[in-house]
C-alpha atoms as a PDB file:
ATOM      1  CA  UNK A   1       0.000   0.000   0.000  1.00  0.00           C
ATOM      2  CA  UNK A   2       1.559   3.312  -1.039  1.00  0.00           C
ATOM      3  CA  UNK A   3      -0.732   5.501   1.112  1.00  0.00           C
ATOM      4  CA  UNK A   4      -0.718   8.187  -1.602  1.00  0.00           C
ATOM      5  CA  UNK A   5       3.039   8.613  -1.262  1.00  0.00           C
ATOM      6  CA  UNK A   6       4.757   9.331  -4.594  1.00  0.00           C
ATOM      7  CA  UNK A   7       8.113   7.793  -3.602  1.00  0.00           C
ATOM      8  CA  UNK A   8       6.413   4.575  -2.448  1.00  0.00           C
ATOM      9  CA  UNK A   9       4.394   4.429  -5.667  1.00  0.00           C
ATOM     10  CA  UNK A  10       7.537   4.906  -7.727  1.00  0.00           C
ATOM     11  CA  UNK A  11       9.435   2.251  -5.736  1.00  0.00           C
ATOM     12  CA  UNK A  12       6.572  -0.248  -6.090  1.00  0.00           C
ATOM     13  CA  UNK A  13       6.276   0.430  -9.828  1.00  0.00           C
ATOM     14  CA  UNK A  14      10.002  -0.044 -10.531  1.00  0.00           C
ATOM     15  CA  UNK A  15      10.148  -3.082  -8.239  1.00  0.00           C
ATOM     16  CA  UNK A  16       7.240  -4.616 -10.150  1.00  0.00           C
ATOM     17  CA  UNK A  17       8.930  -3.972 -13.477  1.00  0.00           C
ATOM     18  CA  UNK A  18      12.203  -5.476 -12.282  1.00  0.00           C
ATOM     19  CA  UNK A  19      10.365  -8.456 -10.744  1.00  0.00           C
ATOM     20  CA  UNK A  20       8.936  -9.176 -14.198  1.00  0.00           C
ATOM     21  CA  UNK A  21      12.442  -9.009 -15.688  1.00  0.00           C
ATOM     22  CA  UNK A  22      11.871  -5.658 -17.383  1.00  0.00           C
ATOM     23  CA  UNK A  23      15.254  -3.948 -17.183  1.00  0.00           C
ATOM     24  CA  UNK A  24      14.296  -1.149 -19.577  1.00  0.00           C
ATOM     25  CA  UNK A  25      14.573   1.318 -16.703  1.00  0.00           C
ATOM     26  CA  UNK A  26      18.000   0.029 -15.651  1.00  0.00           C
ATOM     27  CA  UNK A  27      19.887  -2.974 -14.317  1.00  0.00           C
ATOM     28  CA  UNK A  28      20.384  -1.467 -10.862  1.00  0.00           C
ATOM     29  CA  UNK A  29      17.660  -0.548  -8.412  1.00  0.00           C
ATOM     30  CA  UNK A  30      18.683   1.327  -5.283  1.00  0.00           C
ATOM     31  CA  UNK A  31      16.011   1.601  -2.630  1.00  0.00           C
ATOM     32  CA  UNK A  32      17.096   4.228  -0.130  1.00  0.00           C
ATOM     33  CA  UNK A  33      15.358   5.635   2.887  1.00  0.00           C
ATOM     34  CA  UNK A  34      14.928   5.349   6.623  1.00  0.00           C
ATOM     35  CA  UNK A  35      14.258   2.079   8.419  1.00  0.00           C
ATOM     36  CA  UNK A  36      10.840   0.526   8.154  1.00  0.00           C
ATOM     37  CA  UNK A  37       9.678   1.974   4.825  1.00  0.00           C
ATOM     38  CA  UNK A  38       9.601  -1.340   2.950  1.00  0.00           C
ATOM     39  CA  UNK A  39      12.970  -1.411   1.163  1.00  0.00           C
ATOM     40  CA  UNK A  40      13.829  -4.973   2.127  1.00  0.00           C
ATOM     41  CA  UNK A  41      10.256  -6.119   1.529  1.00  0.00           C
ATOM     42  CA  UNK A  42      10.343  -4.853  -2.072  1.00  0.00           C
ATOM     43  CA  UNK A  43      13.818  -6.287  -2.700  1.00  0.00           C
ATOM     44  CA  UNK A  44      12.745  -9.675  -1.351  1.00  0.00           C
ATOM     45  CA  UNK A  45       9.630  -9.684  -3.554  1.00  0.00           C
ATOM     46  CA  UNK A  46      11.755  -9.064  -6.653  1.00  0.00           C
ATOM     47  CA  UNK A  47      14.222 -11.780  -5.641  1.00  0.00           C
ATOM     48  CA  UNK A  48      11.429 -14.324  -5.116  1.00  0.00           C
ATOM     49  CA  UNK A  49       9.968 -13.594  -8.577  1.00  0.00           C
ATOM     50  CA  UNK A  50      13.342 -14.140 -10.232  1.00  0.00           C
ATOM     51  CA  UNK A  51      13.933 -17.280  -8.174  1.00  0.00           C
ATOM     52  CA  UNK A  52      10.467 -18.637  -9.046  1.00  0.00           C
ATOM     53  CA  UNK A  53      11.290 -18.013 -12.720  1.00  0.00           C
ATOM     54  CA  UNK A  54      14.358 -20.250 -12.373  1.00  0.00           C
ATOM     55  CA  UNK A  55      17.119 -17.656 -12.174  1.00  0.00           C
ATOM     56  CA  UNK A  56      20.003 -17.955  -9.708  1.00  0.00           C
ATOM     57  CA  UNK A  57      19.501 -15.247  -7.086  1.00  0.00           C
ATOM     58  CA  UNK A  58      21.685 -14.257  -4.180  1.00  0.00           C
ATOM     59  CA  UNK A  59      20.045 -12.185  -1.430  1.00  0.00           C
ATOM     60  CA  UNK A  60      22.286 -11.166   1.457  1.00  0.00           C
ATOM     61  CA  UNK A  61      22.760  -8.553   4.119  1.00  0.00           C
ATOM     62  CA  UNK A  62      26.043  -6.824   3.374  1.00  0.00           C
ATOM     63  CA  UNK A  63      27.490  -7.425   6.844  1.00  0.00           C
ATOM     64  CA  UNK A  64      26.678 -11.152   6.590  1.00  0.00           C
ATOM     65  CA  UNK A  65      28.223 -11.284   3.119  1.00  0.00           C
ATOM     66  CA  UNK A  66      31.447  -9.767   4.398  1.00  0.00           C
ATOM     67  CA  UNK A  67      31.571 -12.278   7.261  1.00  0.00           C
ATOM     68  CA  UNK A  68      31.049 -15.107   4.775  1.00  0.00           C
ATOM     69  CA  UNK A  69      33.835 -13.822   2.520  1.00  0.00           C
ATOM     70  CA  UNK A  70      36.214 -13.601   5.487  1.00  0.00           C
ATOM     71  CA  UNK A  71      35.420 -17.235   6.359  1.00  0.00           C
ATOM     72  CA  UNK A  72      36.282 -18.077   2.767  1.00  0.00           C
ATOM     73  CA  UNK A  73      39.938 -17.413   3.513  1.00  0.00           C
ATOM     74  CA  UNK A  74      39.883 -20.140   6.158  1.00  0.00           C
ATOM     75  CA  UNK A  75      38.051 -22.803   4.159  1.00  0.00           C
ATOM     76  CA  UNK A  76      39.620 -21.860   0.800  1.00  0.00           C
ATOM     77  CA  UNK A  77      36.242 -20.927  -0.715  1.00  0.00           C
ATOM     78  CA  UNK A  78      36.896 -17.180  -1.006  1.00  0.00           C
ATOM     79  CA  UNK A  79      37.295 -17.048  -4.796  1.00  0.00           C
ATOM     80  CA  UNK A  80      34.373 -19.422  -5.343  1.00  0.00           C
ATOM     81  CA  UNK A  81      32.188 -17.154  -3.217  1.00  0.00           C
ATOM     82  CA  UNK A  82      33.306 -14.069  -5.118  1.00  0.00           C
ATOM     83  CA  UNK A  83      32.595 -15.840  -8.397  1.00  0.00           C
ATOM     84  CA  UNK A  84      29.038 -16.688  -7.298  1.00  0.00           C
ATOM     85  CA  UNK A  85      28.451 -12.989  -6.564  1.00  0.00           C
ATOM     86  CA  UNK A  86      29.721 -12.122  -9.996  1.00  0.00           C
ATOM     87  CA  UNK A  87      27.739 -14.721 -11.935  1.00  0.00           C
ATOM     88  CA  UNK A  88      24.322 -14.937 -10.261  1.00  0.00           C
ATOM     89  CA  UNK A  89      21.503 -13.566 -12.387  1.00  0.00           C
ATOM     90  CA  UNK A  90      20.335 -11.204  -9.638  1.00  0.00           C
ATOM     91  CA  UNK A  91      22.264  -9.974  -6.621  1.00  0.00           C
ATOM     92  CA  UNK A  92      20.506  -8.223  -3.749  1.00  0.00           C
ATOM     93  CA  UNK A  93      22.695  -6.366  -1.262  1.00  0.00           C
ATOM     94  CA  UNK A  94      20.521  -5.566   1.724  1.00  0.00           C
ATOM     95  CA  UNK A  95      21.417  -2.778   4.130  1.00  0.00           C
ATOM     96  CA  UNK A  96      24.466  -1.380   2.343  1.00  0.00           C
ATOM     97  CA  UNK A  97      26.241   1.114   4.561  1.00  0.00           C
ATOM     98  CA  UNK A  98      25.422  -0.630   7.849  1.00  0.00           C
ATOM     99  CA  UNK A  99      28.670  -2.596   7.637  1.00  0.00           C
ATOM    100  CA  UNK A 100      30.895   0.439   8.268  1.00  0.00           C
ATOM    101  CA  UNK A 101      33.047  -0.514   5.296  1.00  0.00           C
ATOM    102  CA  UNK A 102      36.662   0.237   5.977  1.00  0.00           C
ATOM    103  CA  UNK A 103      39.701  -0.883   4.027  1.00  0.00           C
ATOM    104  CA  UNK A 104      39.164  -4.600   3.303  1.00  0.00           C
ATOM    105  CA  UNK A 105      35.373  -4.523   3.547  1.00  0.00           C
ATOM    106  CA  UNK A 106      35.101  -1.381   1.442  1.00  0.00           C
ATOM    107  CA  UNK A 107      37.358  -2.874  -1.206  1.00  0.00           C
ATOM    108  CA  UNK A 108      35.176  -6.007  -1.404  1.00  0.00           C
ATOM    109  CA  UNK A 109      31.971  -4.001  -1.775  1.00  0.00           C
ATOM    110  CA  UNK A 110      33.624  -1.822  -4.404  1.00  0.00           C
ATOM    111  CA  UNK A 111      34.797  -4.891  -6.312  1.00  0.00           C
ATOM    112  CA  UNK A 112      31.387  -6.573  -6.246  1.00  0.00           C
ATOM    113  CA  UNK A 113      29.483  -3.450  -7.316  1.00  0.00           C
ATOM    114  CA  UNK A 114      32.094  -2.711  -9.985  1.00  0.00           C
ATOM    115  CA  UNK A 115      31.753  -6.205 -11.489  1.00  0.00           C
ATOM    116  CA  UNK A 116      27.989  -5.915 -11.633  1.00  0.00           C
ATOM    117  CA  UNK A 117      28.286  -2.415 -13.081  1.00  0.00           C
ATOM    118  CA  UNK A 118      30.780  -3.288 -15.830  1.00  0.00           C
ATOM    119  CA  UNK A 119      28.864  -6.401 -16.845  1.00  0.00           C
ATOM    120  CA  UNK A 120      25.469  -4.648 -16.492  1.00  0.00           C
ATOM    121  CA  UNK A 121      24.233  -7.533 -14.331  1.00  0.00           C
ATOM    122  CA  UNK A 122      21.108  -6.852 -12.284  1.00  0.00           C
ATOM    123  CA  UNK A 123      21.701  -5.541  -8.782  1.00  0.00           C
ATOM    124  CA  UNK A 124      19.330  -4.373  -6.083  1.00  0.00           C
ATOM    125  CA  UNK A 125      20.653  -2.398  -3.145  1.00  0.00           C
ATOM    126  CA  UNK A 126      18.759  -1.341  -0.051  1.00  0.00           C
ATOM    127  CA  UNK A 127      20.291   1.314   2.146  1.00  0.00           C
ATOM    128  CA  UNK A 128      19.525   3.958   4.676  1.00  0.00           C
ATOM    129  CA  UNK A 129      23.001   5.452   4.241  1.00  0.00           C
ATOM    130  CA  UNK A 130      23.398   8.768   2.490  1.00  0.00           C
ATOM    131  CA  UNK A 131      25.343   8.778  -0.776  1.00  0.00           C
ATOM    132  CA  UNK A 132      28.162  10.676   0.977  1.00  0.00           C
ATOM    133  CA  UNK A 133      28.457   7.814   3.494  1.00  0.00           C
ATOM    134  CA  UNK A 134      29.299   5.296   0.758  1.00  0.00           C
ATOM    135  CA  UNK A 135      32.668   4.885  -0.929  1.00  0.00           C
ATOM    136  CA  UNK A 136      32.858   7.412  -3.795  1.00  0.00           C
ATOM    137  CA  UNK A 137      33.241   4.791  -6.560  1.00  0.00           C
ATOM    138  CA  UNK A 138      30.382   2.697  -5.201  1.00  0.00           C
ATOM    139  CA  UNK A 139      28.142   5.762  -4.880  1.00  0.00           C
ATOM    140  CA  UNK A 140      29.053   6.830  -8.425  1.00  0.00           C
ATOM    141  CA  UNK A 141      28.178   3.470  -9.953  1.00  0.00           C
ATOM    142  CA  UNK A 142      24.966   3.116  -7.992  1.00  0.00           C
ATOM    143  CA  UNK A 143      23.819   6.550  -9.106  1.00  0.00           C
ATOM    144  CA  UNK A 144      24.758   6.248 -12.800  1.00  0.00           C
ATOM    145  CA  UNK A 145      21.505   7.150 -14.536  1.00  0.00           C
ATOM    146  CA  UNK A 146      22.438   5.114 -17.615  1.00  0.00           C
ATOM    147  CA  UNK A 147      21.875   1.884 -15.689  1.00  0.00           C
ATOM    148  CA  UNK A 148      20.504   2.682 -12.243  1.00  0.00           C
ATOM    149  CA  UNK A 149      17.310   3.867 -10.636  1.00  0.00           C
ATOM    150  CA  UNK A 150      17.709   5.395  -7.210  1.00  0.00           C
ATOM    151  CA  UNK A 151      14.479   5.770  -5.281  1.00  0.00           C
ATOM    152  CA  UNK A 152      14.622   7.791  -2.096  1.00  0.00           C
ATOM    153  CA  UNK A 153      11.599   6.540  -0.176  1.00  0.00           C
ATOM    154  CA  UNK A 154      10.194   9.283   1.985  1.00  0.00           C
ATOM    155  CA  UNK A 155       7.655   7.616   4.239  1.00  0.00           C
ATOM    156  CA  UNK A 156       6.933   6.834   7.859  1.00  0.00           C
ATOM    157  CA  UNK A 157       8.149   3.629   9.477  1.00  0.00           C
ATOM    158  CA  UNK A 158       5.499   0.983   8.689  1.00  0.00           C
ATOM    159  CA  UNK A 159       6.322  -0.821  11.923  1.00  0.00           C
ATOM    160  CA  UNK A 160       5.393   2.113  14.114  1.00  0.00           C
ATOM    161  CA  UNK A 161       2.255   2.921  12.130  1.00  0.00           C
ATOM    162  CA  UNK A 162       1.018  -0.676  12.133  1.00  0.00           C
ATOM    163  CA  UNK A 163       0.931  -1.015   8.327  1.00  0.00           C
ATOM    164  CA  UNK A 164       3.447  -3.814   7.807  1.00  0.00           C
ATOM    165  CA  UNK A 165       7.209  -3.799   7.768  1.00  0.00           C
ATOM    166  CA  UNK A 166      10.499  -3.790   5.986  1.00  0.00           C
END
């Protein structure tokens, strides 16, 4: 329910288009806004549609992804894990910016976004970070209007209004 909110309507429309595989509007969808406005809900809905259509989808919180990559050094699966991020049909990075990306973590996020960007592979990002809070190269690629739609959702927290959740 968009409650008459233009940004919610726009996010739902573009999410619906991407869920149906229509990438006319761009290969990247960035859903930005405060907590509880439905960013993760929309991203998950898109991912399920792609998955149901038989496409390999990877949906992960960014902090969990970074933990998993670090474990890959120990069990020798690091490069295999990176390759799966590169090759999956749809990658969803949930809660970008919450991981406080410094040095190693920031480099990994940059590398993953850069791969998806150069190969024009579909990517969905949810974030409540401001563009200035992200690494400059990552922010630049995510905001490139030739391949990305950035929707700043300006709405109240669904959880506190009793209308659902993120």
